[in-house]
Amino acid sequence: MMHDIMIILVLTFPMFLFTIYPGILAGNYAQKHYHVSESLKRAIMLSITFLFALLLSSLLYLT
Protein backbone atom coordinates (compact mmCIF):
# COMPACT_ATOMS: atom_id res chain seq x y z
CA MET A 1 0.00 0.00 0.00
CA MET A 2 2.68 2.52 0.99
CA HIS A 3 4.80 1.39 -1.95
CA ASP A 4 1.93 2.15 -4.35
CA ILE A 5 1.48 5.64 -2.94
CA MET A 6 5.20 6.38 -3.26
CA ILE A 7 5.25 5.24 -6.89
CA ILE A 8 2.22 7.41 -7.70
CA LEU A 9 3.88 10.44 -6.08
CA VAL A 10 7.11 9.81 -7.99
CA LEU A 11 5.16 9.57 -11.24
CA THR A 12 3.50 12.90 -10.44
CA PHE A 13 6.64 14.92 -11.15
CA PRO A 14 6.97 14.01 -14.85
CA MET A 15 3.23 14.58 -15.27
CA PHE A 16 3.77 18.26 -14.42
CA LEU A 17 5.00 18.69 -17.99
CA PHE A 18 1.56 17.73 -19.28
CA THR A 19 -0.52 19.55 -16.69
CA ILE A 20 1.04 23.00 -16.52
CA TYR A 21 -0.96 24.30 -19.49
CA PRO A 22 -4.41 23.33 -18.09
CA GLY A 23 -3.44 24.94 -14.79
CA ILE A 24 -2.50 28.18 -16.52
CA LEU A 25 -5.76 28.13 -18.48
CA ALA A 26 -7.80 27.58 -15.30
CA GLY A 27 -6.00 30.43 -13.52
CA ASN A 28 -6.51 32.82 -16.42
CA TYR A 29 -10.18 31.82 -16.68
CA ALA A 30 -10.72 32.47 -12.96
CA GLN A 31 -9.00 35.84 -13.16
CA LYS A 32 -10.93 36.94 -16.23
CA HIS A 33 -14.42 35.78 -15.22
CA TYR A 34 -14.33 35.96 -11.42
CA HIS A 35 -11.85 38.84 -10.92
CA VAL A 36 -9.63 37.00 -8.43
CA SER A 37 -6.38 38.46 -7.18
CA GLU A 38 -2.99 37.48 -8.58
CA SER A 39 -2.07 35.45 -5.50
CA LEU A 40 -5.32 33.49 -5.67
CA LYS A 41 -4.77 32.97 -9.40
CA ARG A 42 -1.36 31.43 -8.68
CA ALA A 43 -2.86 29.22 -5.97
CA ILE A 44 -5.50 28.01 -8.42
CA MET A 45 -2.85 27.33 -11.05
CA LEU A 46 -0.68 25.31 -8.66
CA SER A 47 -3.53 23.32 -7.17
CA ILE A 48 -5.07 22.44 -10.56
CA THR A 49 -1.65 21.48 -11.89
CA PHE A 50 -0.85 19.25 -8.91
CA LEU A 51 -4.27 17.60 -8.72
CA PHE A 52 -4.39 16.91 -12.46
CA ALA A 53 -0.83 15.52 -12.37
CA LEU A 54 -1.79 13.31 -9.43
CA LEU A 55 -4.84 12.09 -11.32
CA LEU A 56 -2.83 11.31 -14.44
CA SER A 57 -0.09 9.51 -12.53
CA SER A 58 -2.58 7.41 -10.57
CA LEU A 59 -4.40 6.47 -13.77
CA LEU A 60 -1.08 5.57 -15.37
CA TYR A 61 -0.07 3.41 -12.43
CA LEU A 62 -3.39 1.68 -11.96
CA THR A 63 -3.90 0.73 -15.63
PDB file of N, CA and C in Angstrom:
ATOM      1  N   MET A   1       0.828  -1.194   0.000  1.00  0.00           N
ATOM      2  CA  MET A   1       0.000   0.000   0.000  1.00  0.00           C
ATOM      3  C   MET A   1       0.874   1.260   0.000  1.00  0.00           C
ATOM      4  N   MET A   2       1.806   1.339   0.922  1.00  0.00           N
ATOM      5  CA  MET A   2       2.676   2.521   0.987  1.00  0.00           C
ATOM      6  C   MET A   2       3.568   2.600  -0.244  1.00  0.00           C
ATOM      7  N   HIS A   3       3.975   1.443  -0.748  1.00  0.00           N
ATOM      8  CA  HIS A   3       4.801   1.388  -1.950  1.00  0.00           C
ATOM      9  C   HIS A   3       4.038   1.948  -3.152  1.00  0.00           C
ATOM     10  N   ASP A   4       2.759   1.647  -3.253  1.00  0.00           N
ATOM     11  CA  ASP A   4       1.934   2.151  -4.347  1.00  0.00           C
ATOM     12  C   ASP A   4       1.802   3.669  -4.298  1.00  0.00           C
ATOM     13  N   ILE A   5       1.615   4.193  -3.101  1.00  0.00           N
ATOM     14  CA  ILE A   5       1.483   5.644  -2.941  1.00  0.00           C
ATOM     15  C   ILE A   5       2.785   6.343  -3.319  1.00  0.00           C
ATOM     16  N   MET A   6       3.905   5.780  -2.923  1.00  0.00           N
ATOM     17  CA  MET A   6       5.200   6.383  -3.264  1.00  0.00           C
ATOM     18  C   MET A   6       5.439   6.374  -4.770  1.00  0.00           C
ATOM     19  N   ILE A   7       5.077   5.300  -5.435  1.00  0.00           N
ATOM     20  CA  ILE A   7       5.253   5.241  -6.886  1.00  0.00           C
ATOM     21  C   ILE A   7       4.360   6.267  -7.577  1.00  0.00           C
ATOM     22  N   ILE A   8       3.134   6.416  -7.114  1.00  0.00           N
ATOM     23  CA  ILE A   8       2.224   7.406  -7.700  1.00  0.00           C
ATOM     24  C   ILE A   8       2.778   8.813  -7.501  1.00  0.00           C
ATOM     25  N   LEU A   9       3.319   9.105  -6.321  1.00  0.00           N
ATOM     26  CA  LEU A   9       3.881  10.435  -6.085  1.00  0.00           C
ATOM     27  C   LEU A   9       5.132  10.684  -6.914  1.00  0.00           C
ATOM     28  N   VAL A  10       5.931   9.655  -7.136  1.00  0.00           N
ATOM     29  CA  VAL A  10       7.108   9.808  -7.985  1.00  0.00           C
ATOM     30  C   VAL A  10       6.689  10.047  -9.429  1.00  0.00           C
ATOM     31  N   LEU A  11       5.654   9.372  -9.877  1.00  0.00           N
ATOM     32  CA  LEU A  11       5.162   9.567 -11.236  1.00  0.00           C
ATOM     33  C   LEU A  11       4.512  10.935 -11.434  1.00  0.00           C
ATOM     34  N   THR A  12       4.142  11.593 -10.345  1.00  0.00           N
ATOM     35  CA  THR A  12       3.496  12.902 -10.440  1.00  0.00           C
ATOM     36  C   THR A  12       4.437  13.955 -11.022  1.00  0.00           C
ATOM     37  N   PHE A  13       5.716  13.879 -10.701  1.00  0.00           N
ATOM     38  CA  PHE A  13       6.635  14.917 -11.147  1.00  0.00           C
ATOM     39  C   PHE A  13       6.789  14.989 -12.667  1.00  0.00           C
ATOM     40  N   PRO A  14       6.927  13.879 -13.387  1.00  0.00           N
ATOM     41  CA  PRO A  14       6.966  14.007 -14.850  1.00  0.00           C
ATOM     42  C   PRO A  14       5.632  14.464 -15.451  1.00  0.00           C
ATOM     43  N   MET A  15       4.541  14.186 -14.753  1.00  0.00           N
ATOM     44  CA  MET A  15       3.226  14.584 -15.267  1.00  0.00           C
ATOM     45  C   MET A  15       3.017  16.094 -15.210  1.00  0.00           C
ATOM     46  N   PHE A  16       3.870  16.805 -14.445  1.00  0.00           N
ATOM     47  CA  PHE A  16       3.773  18.262 -14.419  1.00  0.00           C
ATOM     48  C   PHE A  16       3.980  18.859 -15.807  1.00  0.00           C
ATOM     49  N   LEU A  17       4.781  18.195 -16.635  1.00  0.00           N
ATOM     50  CA  LEU A  17       5.003  18.694 -17.989  1.00  0.00           C
ATOM     51  C   LEU A  17       3.710  18.734 -18.793  1.00  0.00           C
ATOM     52  N   PHE A  18       2.812  17.796 -18.533  1.00  0.00           N
ATOM     53  CA  PHE A  18       1.563  17.728 -19.280  1.00  0.00           C
ATOM     54  C   PHE A  18       0.434  18.523 -18.644  1.00  0.00           C
ATOM     55  N   THR A  19       0.597  18.916 -17.395  1.00  0.00           N
ATOM     56  CA  THR A  19      -0.520  19.554 -16.693  1.00  0.00           C
ATOM     57  C   THR A  19      -0.295  21.026 -16.373  1.00  0.00           C
ATOM     58  N   ILE A  20       0.819  21.579 -16.779  1.00  0.00           N
ATOM     59  CA  ILE A  20       1.041  22.998 -16.519  1.00  0.00           C
ATOM     60  C   ILE A  20       0.075  23.855 -17.341  1.00  0.00           C
ATOM     61  N   TYR A  21      -0.100  23.499 -18.609  1.00  0.00           N
ATOM     62  CA  TYR A  21      -0.959  24.298 -19.488  1.00  0.00           C
ATOM     63  C   TYR A  21      -2.417  24.345 -19.010  1.00  0.00           C
ATOM     64  N   PRO A  22      -3.047  23.218 -18.628  1.00  0.00           N
ATOM     65  CA  PRO A  22      -4.415  23.328 -18.092  1.00  0.00           C
ATOM     66  C   PRO A  22      -4.492  24.156 -16.809  1.00  0.00           C
ATOM     67  N   GLY A  23      -3.454  24.112 -15.993  1.00  0.00           N
ATOM     68  CA  GLY A  23      -3.441  24.938 -14.788  1.00  0.00           C
ATOM     69  C   GLY A  23      -3.388  26.417 -15.108  1.00  0.00           C
ATOM     70  N   ILE A  24      -2.582  26.775 -16.099  1.00  0.00           N
ATOM     71  CA  ILE A  24      -2.500  28.177 -16.523  1.00  0.00           C
ATOM     72  C   ILE A  24      -3.834  28.636 -17.092  1.00  0.00           C
ATOM     73  N   LEU A  25      -4.463  27.781 -17.904  1.00  0.00           N
ATOM     74  CA  LEU A  25      -5.763  28.133 -18.475  1.00  0.00           C
ATOM     75  C   LEU A  25      -6.821  28.316 -17.395  1.00  0.00           C
ATOM     76  N   ALA A  26      -6.825  27.458 -16.388  1.00  0.00           N
ATOM     77  CA  ALA A  26      -7.800  27.576 -15.296  1.00  0.00           C
ATOM     78  C   ALA A  26      -7.562  28.851 -14.489  1.00  0.00           C
ATOM     79  N   GLY A  27      -6.305  29.197 -14.241  1.00  0.00           N
ATOM     80  CA  GLY A  27      -6.002  30.430 -13.516  1.00  0.00           C
ATOM     81  C   GLY A  27      -6.400  31.664 -14.295  1.00  0.00           C
ATOM     82  N   ASN A  28      -6.128  31.673 -15.584  1.00  0.00           N
ATOM     83  CA  ASN A  28      -6.512  32.815 -16.417  1.00  0.00           C
ATOM     84  C   ASN A  28      -8.029  32.942 -16.524  1.00  0.00           C
ATOM     85  N   TYR A  29      -8.713  31.811 -16.626  1.00  0.00           N
ATOM     86  CA  TYR A  29     -10.179  31.824 -16.680  1.00  0.00           C
ATOM     87  C   TYR A  29     -10.761  32.403 -15.390  1.00  0.00           C
ATOM     88  N   ALA A  30     -10.230  31.973 -14.249  1.00  0.00           N
ATOM     89  CA  ALA A  30     -10.722  32.473 -12.961  1.00  0.00           C
ATOM     90  C   ALA A  30     -10.457  33.957 -12.808  1.00  0.00           C
ATOM     91  N   GLN A  31      -9.309  34.416 -13.278  1.00  0.00           N
ATOM     92  CA  GLN A  31      -8.995  35.835 -13.160  1.00  0.00           C
ATOM     93  C   GLN A  31      -9.874  36.673 -14.079  1.00  0.00           C
ATOM     94  N   LYS A  32     -10.140  36.172 -15.264  1.00  0.00           N
ATOM     95  CA  LYS A  32     -10.933  36.940 -16.226  1.00  0.00           C
ATOM     96  C   LYS A  32     -12.409  36.992 -15.841  1.00  0.00           C
ATOM     97  N   HIS A  33     -12.986  35.848 -15.442  1.00  0.00           N
ATOM     98  CA  HIS A  33     -14.422  35.783 -15.218  1.00  0.00           C
ATOM     99  C   HIS A  33     -14.841  36.048 -13.777  1.00  0.00           C
ATOM    100  N   TYR A  34     -13.953  35.792 -12.813  1.00  0.00           N
ATOM    101  CA  TYR A  34     -14.326  35.959 -11.417  1.00  0.00           C
ATOM    102  C   TYR A  34     -13.527  37.044 -10.713  1.00  0.00           C
ATOM    103  N   HIS A  35     -12.637  37.703 -11.433  1.00  0.00           N
ATOM    104  CA  HIS A  35     -11.852  38.840 -10.919  1.00  0.00           C
ATOM    105  C   HIS A  35     -11.140  38.500  -9.607  1.00  0.00           C
ATOM    106  N   VAL A  36     -10.405  37.396  -9.610  1.00  0.00           N
ATOM    107  CA  VAL A  36      -9.632  36.996  -8.430  1.00  0.00           C
ATOM    108  C   VAL A  36      -8.293  37.725  -8.438  1.00  0.00           C
ATOM    109  N   SER A  37      -7.668  37.789  -7.288  1.00  0.00           N
ATOM    110  CA  SER A  37      -6.378  38.465  -7.181  1.00  0.00           C
ATOM    111  C   SER A  37      -5.280  37.597  -7.797  1.00  0.00           C
ATOM    112  N   GLU A  38      -4.117  38.198  -7.969  1.00  0.00           N
ATOM    113  CA  GLU A  38      -2.994  37.484  -8.582  1.00  0.00           C
ATOM    114  C   GLU A  38      -2.510  36.332  -7.705  1.00  0.00           C
ATOM    115  N   SER A  39      -2.512  36.526  -6.392  1.00  0.00           N
ATOM    116  CA  SER A  39      -2.066  35.449  -5.503  1.00  0.00           C
ATOM    117  C   SER A  39      -3.046  34.279  -5.520  1.00  0.00           C
ATOM    118  N   LEU A  40      -4.333  34.553  -5.579  1.00  0.00           N
ATOM    119  CA  LEU A  40      -5.319  33.485  -5.670  1.00  0.00           C
ATOM    120  C   LEU A  40      -5.249  32.793  -7.029  1.00  0.00           C
ATOM    121  N   LYS A  41      -4.948  33.561  -8.072  1.00  0.00           N
ATOM    122  CA  LYS A  41      -4.770  32.973  -9.404  1.00  0.00           C
ATOM    123  C   LYS A  41      -3.614  31.979  -9.393  1.00  0.00           C
ATOM    124  N   ARG A  42      -2.511  32.334  -8.771  1.00  0.00           N
ATOM    125  CA  ARG A  42      -1.361  31.427  -8.685  1.00  0.00           C
ATOM    126  C   ARG A  42      -1.685  30.189  -7.857  1.00  0.00           C
ATOM    127  N   ALA A  43      -2.451  30.365  -6.790  1.00  0.00           N
ATOM    128  CA  ALA A  43      -2.856  29.218  -5.973  1.00  0.00           C
ATOM    129  C   ALA A  43      -3.748  28.276  -6.776  1.00  0.00           C
ATOM    130  N   ILE A  44      -4.642  28.826  -7.569  1.00  0.00           N
ATOM    131  CA  ILE A  44      -5.503  28.006  -8.423  1.00  0.00           C
ATOM    132  C   ILE A  44      -4.661  27.267  -9.447  1.00  0.00           C
ATOM    133  N   MET A  45      -3.706  27.956 -10.048  1.00  0.00           N
ATOM    134  CA  MET A  45      -2.847  27.329 -11.049  1.00  0.00           C
ATOM    135  C   MET A  45      -2.063  26.163 -10.452  1.00  0.00           C
ATOM    136  N   LEU A  46      -1.471  26.372  -9.293  1.00  0.00           N
ATOM    137  CA  LEU A  46      -0.681  25.310  -8.659  1.00  0.00           C
ATOM    138  C   LEU A  46      -1.533  24.131  -8.214  1.00  0.00           C
ATOM    139  N   SER A  47      -2.696  24.424  -7.658  1.00  0.00           N
ATOM    140  CA  SER A  47      -3.535  23.325  -7.174  1.00  0.00           C
ATOM    141  C   SER A  47      -4.111  22.514  -8.326  1.00  0.00           C
ATOM    142  N   ILE A  48      -4.554  23.167  -9.392  1.00  0.00           N
ATOM    143  CA  ILE A  48      -5.070  22.443 -10.557  1.00  0.00           C
ATOM    144  C   ILE A  48      -3.958  21.616 -11.181  1.00  0.00           C
ATOM    145  N   THR A  49      -2.772  22.201 -11.299  1.00  0.00           N
ATOM    146  CA  THR A  49      -1.649  21.477 -11.886  1.00  0.00           C
ATOM    147  C   THR A  49      -1.298  20.246 -11.067  1.00  0.00           C
ATOM    148  N   PHE A  50      -1.205  20.393  -9.755  1.00  0.00           N
ATOM    149  CA  PHE A  50      -0.846  19.251  -8.914  1.00  0.00           C
ATOM    150  C   PHE A  50      -1.932  18.179  -8.910  1.00  0.00           C
ATOM    151  N   LEU A  51      -3.190  18.588  -8.776  1.00  0.00           N
ATOM    152  CA  LEU A  51      -4.266  17.602  -8.724  1.00  0.00           C
ATOM    153  C   LEU A  51      -4.416  16.854 -10.040  1.00  0.00           C
ATOM    154  N   PHE A  52      -4.277  17.561 -11.158  1.00  0.00           N
ATOM    155  CA  PHE A  52      -4.387  16.911 -12.457  1.00  0.00           C
ATOM    156  C   PHE A  52      -3.192  15.986 -12.691  1.00  0.00           C
ATOM    157  N   ALA A  53      -2.008  16.384 -12.252  1.00  0.00           N
ATOM    158  CA  ALA A  53      -0.835  15.521 -12.367  1.00  0.00           C
ATOM    159  C   ALA A  53      -0.987  14.284 -11.496  1.00  0.00           C
ATOM    160  N   LEU A  54      -1.533  14.443 -10.307  1.00  0.00           N
ATOM    161  CA  LEU A  54      -1.785  13.308  -9.427  1.00  0.00           C
ATOM    162  C   LEU A  54      -2.810  12.361 -10.043  1.00  0.00           C
ATOM    163  N   LEU A  55      -3.839  12.912 -10.658  1.00  0.00           N
ATOM    164  CA  LEU A  55      -4.842  12.089 -11.322  1.00  0.00           C
ATOM    165  C   LEU A  55      -4.230  11.312 -12.483  1.00  0.00           C
ATOM    166  N   LEU A  56      -3.451  11.986 -13.311  1.00  0.00           N
ATOM    167  CA  LEU A  56      -2.829  11.308 -14.443  1.00  0.00           C
ATOM    168  C   LEU A  56      -1.861  10.222 -13.994  1.00  0.00           C
ATOM    169  N   SER A  57      -1.059  10.506 -12.980  1.00  0.00           N
ATOM    170  CA  SER A  57      -0.091   9.508 -12.526  1.00  0.00           C
ATOM    171  C   SER A  57      -0.777   8.313 -11.882  1.00  0.00           C
ATOM    172  N   SER A  58      -1.865   8.546 -11.160  1.00  0.00           N
ATOM    173  CA  SER A  58      -2.578   7.408 -10.572  1.00  0.00           C
ATOM    174  C   SER A  58      -3.270   6.576 -11.648  1.00  0.00           C
ATOM    175  N   LEU A  59      -3.805   7.220 -12.672  1.00  0.00           N
ATOM    176  CA  LEU A  59      -4.396   6.471 -13.769  1.00  0.00           C
ATOM    177  C   LEU A  59      -3.328   5.687 -14.533  1.00  0.00           C
ATOM    178  N   LEU A  60      -2.166   6.273 -14.699  1.00  0.00           N
ATOM    179  CA  LEU A  60      -1.076   5.571 -15.369  1.00  0.00           C
ATOM    180  C   LEU A  60      -0.615   4.367 -14.571  1.00  0.00           C
ATOM    181  N   TYR A  61      -0.531   4.521 -13.267  1.00  0.00           N
ATOM    182  CA  TYR A  61      -0.069   3.412 -12.429  1.00  0.00           C
ATOM    183  C   TYR A  61      -1.109   2.300 -12.323  1.00  0.00           C
ATOM    184  N   LEU A  62      -2.365   2.677 -12.217  1.00  0.00           N
ATOM    185  CA  LEU A  62      -3.390   1.683 -11.964  1.00  0.00           C
ATOM    186  C   LEU A  62      -3.841   0.939 -13.233  1.00  0.00           C
ATOM    187  N   THR A  63      -3.476   1.437 -14.404  1.00  0.00           N
ATOM    188  CA  THR A  63      -3.897   0.732 -15.627  1.00  0.00           C
ATOM    189  C   THR A  63      -2.801  -0.152 -16.153  1.00  0.00           C
TER     190      THR A  63
END
